[in-house]
N, C-alpha and C. Protein backbone atom coordinates (compact mmCIF):
# COMPACT_ATOMS: atom_id res chain seq x y z
N UNK A 1 158.64 108.83 87.97
CA UNK A 1 157.93 108.39 87.06
C UNK A 1 157.24 109.42 86.08
N UNK A 2 156.69 110.42 86.61
CA UNK A 2 156.03 111.46 85.73
C UNK A 2 157.07 112.07 84.85
N UNK A 3 158.43 112.24 85.27
CA UNK A 3 159.29 112.72 84.37
C UNK A 3 159.66 111.80 83.19
N UNK A 4 159.63 110.64 83.48
CA UNK A 4 160.02 109.67 82.33
C UNK A 4 158.73 109.62 81.45
N UNK A 5 157.53 109.71 81.86
CA UNK A 5 156.55 109.73 81.02
C UNK A 5 156.43 111.17 80.05
N UNK A 6 156.70 112.11 80.77
CA UNK A 6 156.89 113.34 79.96
C UNK A 6 157.98 113.44 78.99
N UNK A 7 159.04 112.83 79.22
CA UNK A 7 160.16 112.79 78.38
C UNK A 7 159.68 111.89 77.06
N UNK A 8 158.94 110.88 77.44
CA UNK A 8 158.58 109.77 76.33
C UNK A 8 157.51 110.58 75.31
N UNK A 9 156.60 111.15 76.03
CA UNK A 9 155.49 111.84 75.03
C UNK A 9 155.99 113.18 74.50
N UNK A 10 157.17 113.62 74.95
CA UNK A 10 157.56 114.82 74.30
C UNK A 10 158.52 114.83 73.06
N UNK A 11 158.43 113.67 72.45
CA UNK A 11 159.20 113.31 71.22
C UNK A 11 158.53 113.60 69.89
N UNK A 12 157.59 114.55 69.97
CA UNK A 12 156.82 114.92 68.71
C UNK A 12 155.61 114.32 68.29
N UNK A 13 155.30 113.15 69.27
CA UNK A 13 154.03 112.45 68.89
C UNK A 13 152.80 113.34 69.14
N UNK A 14 151.79 112.99 68.48
CA UNK A 14 150.57 113.61 68.76
C UNK A 14 149.58 112.79 69.63
N UNK A 15 149.00 113.39 70.53
CA UNK A 15 148.14 112.53 71.45
C UNK A 15 146.71 113.15 71.54
N UNK A 16 145.91 112.37 71.38
CA UNK A 16 144.17 112.63 71.48
C UNK A 16 143.72 112.07 72.80
N UNK A 17 142.90 112.98 73.46
CA UNK A 17 142.25 112.39 74.52
C UNK A 17 140.92 112.59 74.50
N UNK A 18 139.98 111.71 74.69
CA UNK A 18 138.48 111.77 74.79
C UNK A 18 138.17 111.91 76.11
N UNK A 19 137.04 112.84 76.13
CA UNK A 19 136.55 113.41 77.53
C UNK A 19 135.12 112.68 77.67
N UNK A 20 134.70 112.16 78.76
CA UNK A 20 133.32 111.81 79.01
C UNK A 20 132.47 113.10 79.35
N UNK A 21 131.37 112.80 79.69
CA UNK A 21 130.25 113.73 79.84
C UNK A 21 130.69 114.83 81.01
N UNK A 22 131.34 114.37 81.99
CA UNK A 22 131.72 115.10 83.20
C UNK A 22 133.14 115.76 82.99
N UNK A 23 133.78 115.50 81.77
CA UNK A 23 135.16 116.01 81.49
C UNK A 23 136.21 115.16 81.97
N UNK A 24 135.92 113.93 82.38
CA UNK A 24 137.00 112.87 82.79
C UNK A 24 137.49 112.25 81.72
N UNK A 25 138.78 111.97 81.61
CA UNK A 25 139.42 111.07 80.32
C UNK A 25 138.67 109.73 80.12
N UNK A 26 138.31 109.41 79.09
CA UNK A 26 137.72 108.16 78.87
C UNK A 26 138.38 107.19 77.76
N UNK A 27 139.57 107.91 77.13
CA UNK A 27 140.36 107.25 76.20
C UNK A 27 141.34 108.15 75.54
N UNK A 28 142.34 107.48 75.11
CA UNK A 28 143.55 108.31 74.45
C UNK A 28 144.22 107.45 73.44
N UNK A 29 144.91 108.10 72.44
CA UNK A 29 145.57 107.37 71.45
C UNK A 29 146.82 108.22 71.02
N UNK A 30 148.02 107.66 70.80
CA UNK A 30 149.17 108.36 70.59
C UNK A 30 149.66 107.91 69.04
N UNK A 31 150.06 109.03 68.19
CA UNK A 31 150.55 108.69 66.94
C UNK A 31 152.04 109.42 66.88
N UNK A 32 152.98 108.56 66.62
CA UNK A 32 154.25 109.02 66.34
C UNK A 32 154.44 109.56 64.95
N UNK A 33 155.40 110.37 64.67
CA UNK A 33 155.64 111.06 63.39
C UNK A 33 155.89 110.01 62.24
N UNK A 34 156.28 108.94 62.57
CA UNK A 34 156.51 107.80 61.63
C UNK A 34 155.37 106.93 61.39
N UNK A 35 154.24 107.34 61.82
CA UNK A 35 153.05 106.50 61.54
C UNK A 35 152.88 105.55 62.48
N UNK A 36 153.50 105.22 63.55
CA UNK A 36 153.34 104.32 64.47
C UNK A 36 152.38 104.68 65.50
N UNK A 37 151.21 103.88 65.73
CA UNK A 37 150.39 104.10 66.64
C UNK A 37 150.79 103.30 67.85
N UNK A 38 151.21 104.28 69.04
CA UNK A 38 151.88 103.64 70.12
C UNK A 38 150.87 103.19 71.16
N UNK A 39 150.25 104.04 71.81
CA UNK A 39 149.22 103.58 72.99
C UNK A 39 147.94 103.96 72.39
N UNK A 40 147.01 103.13 72.83
CA UNK A 40 145.56 103.19 72.44
C UNK A 40 144.75 102.59 73.56
N UNK A 41 144.00 103.36 74.11
CA UNK A 41 143.23 102.85 75.32
C UNK A 41 141.89 103.41 75.29
N UNK A 42 140.59 102.84 75.69
CA UNK A 42 139.49 103.37 75.87
C UNK A 42 138.84 102.74 76.95
N UNK A 43 138.16 103.23 77.80
CA UNK A 43 137.32 102.40 78.86
C UNK A 43 136.22 101.76 78.14
N UNK A 44 136.02 100.41 78.62
CA UNK A 44 135.06 99.59 78.00
C UNK A 44 133.74 100.08 77.99
N UNK A 45 133.49 101.07 78.89
CA UNK A 45 132.12 101.62 78.93
C UNK A 45 131.80 102.75 78.03
N UNK A 46 132.85 103.21 77.28
CA UNK A 46 132.78 104.51 76.42
C UNK A 46 132.52 104.16 75.04
N UNK A 47 131.22 103.69 74.75
CA UNK A 47 130.75 103.35 73.35
C UNK A 47 131.24 104.33 72.23
N UNK A 48 131.91 103.99 71.19
CA UNK A 48 132.22 104.87 70.18
C UNK A 48 133.57 105.62 70.31
N UNK A 49 134.10 105.60 71.40
CA UNK A 49 135.23 106.51 71.70
C UNK A 49 136.46 105.97 70.88
N UNK A 50 136.79 104.69 70.86
CA UNK A 50 137.85 104.26 70.05
C UNK A 50 137.70 104.58 68.50
N UNK A 51 136.55 104.44 67.95
CA UNK A 51 136.30 104.96 66.50
C UNK A 51 136.60 106.32 66.40
N UNK A 52 136.01 107.16 67.42
CA UNK A 52 136.24 108.65 67.15
C UNK A 52 137.55 109.22 67.28
N UNK A 53 138.38 108.44 68.16
CA UNK A 53 139.88 108.66 68.43
C UNK A 53 140.58 108.09 67.16
N UNK A 54 140.30 107.00 66.66
CA UNK A 54 141.00 106.58 65.56
C UNK A 54 140.66 107.45 64.19
N UNK A 55 139.56 107.88 64.11
CA UNK A 55 139.10 108.70 62.96
C UNK A 55 139.99 110.21 62.84
N UNK A 56 140.03 110.57 64.13
CA UNK A 56 140.88 111.72 64.30
C UNK A 56 142.30 111.71 64.02
N UNK A 57 142.89 110.39 64.40
CA UNK A 57 144.28 110.18 64.23
C UNK A 57 144.57 109.92 62.71
N UNK A 58 143.64 109.27 61.98
CA UNK A 58 143.75 108.89 60.60
C UNK A 58 143.67 110.29 59.78
N UNK A 59 142.66 111.13 60.09
CA UNK A 59 142.62 112.32 59.34
C UNK A 59 143.84 113.20 59.45
N UNK A 60 144.34 113.21 60.70
CA UNK A 60 145.60 113.89 60.92
C UNK A 60 146.85 113.28 60.25
N UNK A 61 146.77 112.00 60.19
CA UNK A 61 147.93 111.37 59.40
C UNK A 61 147.91 111.75 57.86
N UNK A 62 146.65 111.67 57.46
CA UNK A 62 146.52 112.06 55.95
C UNK A 62 146.87 113.41 55.66
N UNK A 63 146.57 114.26 56.51
CA UNK A 63 146.78 115.77 56.47
C UNK A 63 148.31 115.98 56.41
N UNK A 64 149.07 115.20 57.28
CA UNK A 64 150.43 115.30 57.20
C UNK A 64 151.11 114.48 56.34
N UNK A 65 150.44 113.77 55.39
CA UNK A 65 151.06 113.12 54.29
C UNK A 65 151.84 111.94 54.83
N UNK A 66 151.45 111.38 55.85
CA UNK A 66 152.16 110.05 56.49
C UNK A 66 151.64 108.89 55.57
N UNK A 67 152.52 108.25 54.91
CA UNK A 67 152.31 107.21 53.86
C UNK A 67 151.38 106.09 54.33
N UNK A 68 151.77 105.58 55.71
CA UNK A 68 151.07 104.51 56.20
C UNK A 68 151.10 104.54 57.79
N UNK A 69 150.25 103.78 58.34
CA UNK A 69 150.14 103.54 59.77
C UNK A 69 150.62 102.10 60.21
N UNK A 70 151.17 101.90 61.41
CA UNK A 70 151.41 100.73 61.86
C UNK A 70 151.18 100.62 63.42
N UNK A 71 150.89 99.33 63.78
CA UNK A 71 150.61 99.17 65.09
C UNK A 71 150.90 97.72 65.53
N UNK A 72 151.33 97.61 66.79
CA UNK A 72 151.29 96.18 67.39
C UNK A 72 150.16 95.88 68.27
N UNK A 73 149.10 95.40 67.61
CA UNK A 73 147.93 95.24 68.28
C UNK A 73 147.84 94.07 69.19
N UNK A 74 147.12 94.32 70.42
CA UNK A 74 146.80 93.02 71.11
C UNK A 74 145.77 92.25 70.53
N UNK A 75 145.47 91.10 71.38
CA UNK A 75 144.48 90.16 70.90
C UNK A 75 143.10 90.89 70.83
N UNK A 76 142.86 91.63 71.70
CA UNK A 76 141.68 92.37 71.92
C UNK A 76 141.48 93.45 70.87
N UNK A 77 142.47 94.04 70.52
CA UNK A 77 142.49 95.19 69.58
C UNK A 77 142.52 94.90 68.09
N UNK A 78 142.97 93.53 67.96
CA UNK A 78 143.17 93.11 66.50
C UNK A 78 142.03 93.30 65.60
N UNK A 79 140.70 92.89 65.95
CA UNK A 79 139.55 93.02 65.24
C UNK A 79 139.20 94.36 64.92
N UNK A 80 139.44 95.36 65.85
CA UNK A 80 139.35 96.85 65.64
C UNK A 80 140.04 97.26 64.57
N UNK A 81 141.20 96.98 64.49
CA UNK A 81 142.15 97.33 63.51
C UNK A 81 141.78 96.76 61.90
N UNK A 82 141.44 95.49 62.16
CA UNK A 82 140.94 94.88 60.85
C UNK A 82 139.85 95.59 60.23
N UNK A 83 138.73 96.01 61.18
CA UNK A 83 137.64 96.75 60.65
C UNK A 83 137.96 98.18 60.24
N UNK A 84 139.18 98.61 60.72
CA UNK A 84 139.72 100.02 60.22
C UNK A 84 140.52 99.91 58.94
N UNK A 85 140.66 98.86 58.42
CA UNK A 85 141.26 98.59 57.20
C UNK A 85 142.76 97.97 57.19
N UNK A 86 143.31 97.72 58.39
CA UNK A 86 144.52 97.27 58.68
C UNK A 86 144.68 95.76 58.13
N UNK A 87 145.90 95.50 57.68
CA UNK A 87 146.31 94.11 57.38
C UNK A 87 147.29 93.59 58.45
N UNK A 88 147.04 92.28 58.78
CA UNK A 88 147.91 91.75 59.66
C UNK A 88 149.16 91.11 58.98
N UNK A 89 150.37 91.54 59.43
CA UNK A 89 151.67 91.11 58.64
C UNK A 89 152.10 89.78 59.46
N UNK A 90 152.06 89.92 60.82
CA UNK A 90 152.47 88.73 61.51
C UNK A 90 152.19 88.80 63.01
N UNK A 91 152.13 87.59 63.50
CA UNK A 91 151.90 87.52 65.06
C UNK A 91 153.33 87.57 65.62
N UNK A 92 153.48 88.30 66.70
CA UNK A 92 154.73 88.35 67.47
C UNK A 92 154.54 87.89 68.78
N UNK A 93 155.43 86.63 69.08
CA UNK A 93 155.42 86.03 70.40
C UNK A 93 156.57 86.43 71.18
N UNK A 94 156.45 87.02 72.44
CA UNK A 94 157.60 87.54 73.14
C UNK A 94 157.35 87.28 74.65
N UNK A 95 158.27 87.53 75.43
CA UNK A 95 158.17 87.41 76.98
C UNK A 95 158.58 88.81 77.52
N UNK A 96 157.68 89.24 78.58
CA UNK A 96 157.89 90.50 79.23
C UNK A 96 157.73 90.37 80.69
N UNK A 97 158.89 90.55 81.38
CA UNK A 97 158.87 90.42 82.79
C UNK A 97 158.40 89.04 83.16
N UNK A 98 158.85 87.85 82.44
CA UNK A 98 158.61 86.62 82.66
C UNK A 98 157.16 86.12 82.22
N UNK A 99 156.39 86.98 81.68
CA UNK A 99 155.15 86.55 81.23
C UNK A 99 155.14 86.43 79.56
N UNK A 100 154.62 85.14 79.11
CA UNK A 100 154.58 84.98 77.68
C UNK A 100 153.41 85.86 77.16
N UNK A 101 153.66 86.61 76.08
CA UNK A 101 152.51 87.54 75.54
C UNK A 101 152.85 87.43 74.07
N UNK A 102 151.58 87.91 73.25
CA UNK A 102 151.82 87.95 71.86
C UNK A 102 151.01 89.26 71.32
N UNK A 103 151.32 89.72 70.15
CA UNK A 103 150.62 90.94 69.59
C UNK A 103 150.73 90.86 68.02
N UNK A 104 150.17 91.56 67.37
CA UNK A 104 149.96 91.51 65.94
C UNK A 104 150.69 92.61 65.38
N UNK A 105 151.57 92.47 64.32
CA UNK A 105 152.04 93.79 63.70
C UNK A 105 151.18 93.98 62.57
N UNK A 106 150.58 95.09 62.39
CA UNK A 106 149.56 95.44 61.41
C UNK A 106 149.78 96.92 60.69
N UNK A 107 149.37 96.97 59.62
CA UNK A 107 149.80 98.00 58.83
C UNK A 107 148.52 98.61 57.93
N UNK A 108 148.57 99.85 57.51
CA UNK A 108 147.54 100.30 56.69
C UNK A 108 148.17 101.39 55.87
N UNK A 109 148.09 101.23 54.60
CA UNK A 109 148.57 102.30 53.59
C UNK A 109 147.55 103.38 53.41
N UNK A 110 148.06 104.64 53.62
CA UNK A 110 147.00 105.76 53.54
C UNK A 110 147.12 106.49 52.21
N UNK A 111 148.15 106.31 51.29
CA UNK A 111 148.14 106.86 49.97
C UNK A 111 149.02 105.90 49.17
């Protein structure tokens, strides 16, 4: 399993990790070179971590002249991305390992 994870994250994506006061990880976000925000997670108790991680990601995307960002946001994350300026293109319904799920395809133009 660690080998599969390392192979996945060695595709050129950028990963930011936020640390808590004691140096423990409290959140992370991944940006692929095409503007796709792949994974984004923060501990619920880490106030402001998501905003700080997203700000770093967007600043980097602008610096690299990535024209737009896109994400498949969960129901819980949808409002975060709306507040960050993303528009919702469509709701996506699907089944994963026998479980019915949905998320939202959202995009934001950067230039």
